[in-house]
Amino acid sequence: MQGKVMNPASIKADKILDARGMSCPIPLLKTKKILKNMRQGQILHILGTDPGSKQDLPGIGIKNGNVFLGMLDNEDGSTSYFIKKGAA
């Protein structure tokens, strides 16, 4: 379910996954594992530097009822991704 995309800079996350320096598929696998253990409605903030994550993480953000809230490029060269845990 793709919901209204929020301004990523204003999102308050419930959990943070620091995947900076990790290569594909590790950020994706860790994201799936953390989301599985989160409660519906909670928001996961993923920090990553792997270029493939820009294509992979939005996809996981719309599976199983999750909502991809957006991404934001950071000054340190990393990217922040925000996923809201869905009902599944």
Foldseek 3Di string as FASTA:
>chain_A
DEDAADDVVPDDAPEEAEAAPPEPPVQVVVVVVVLVPDDAFGKYKYKYQYPCCVVVVCVVLPPPQKYWRDKDQDPVNIMITMIGRGDD
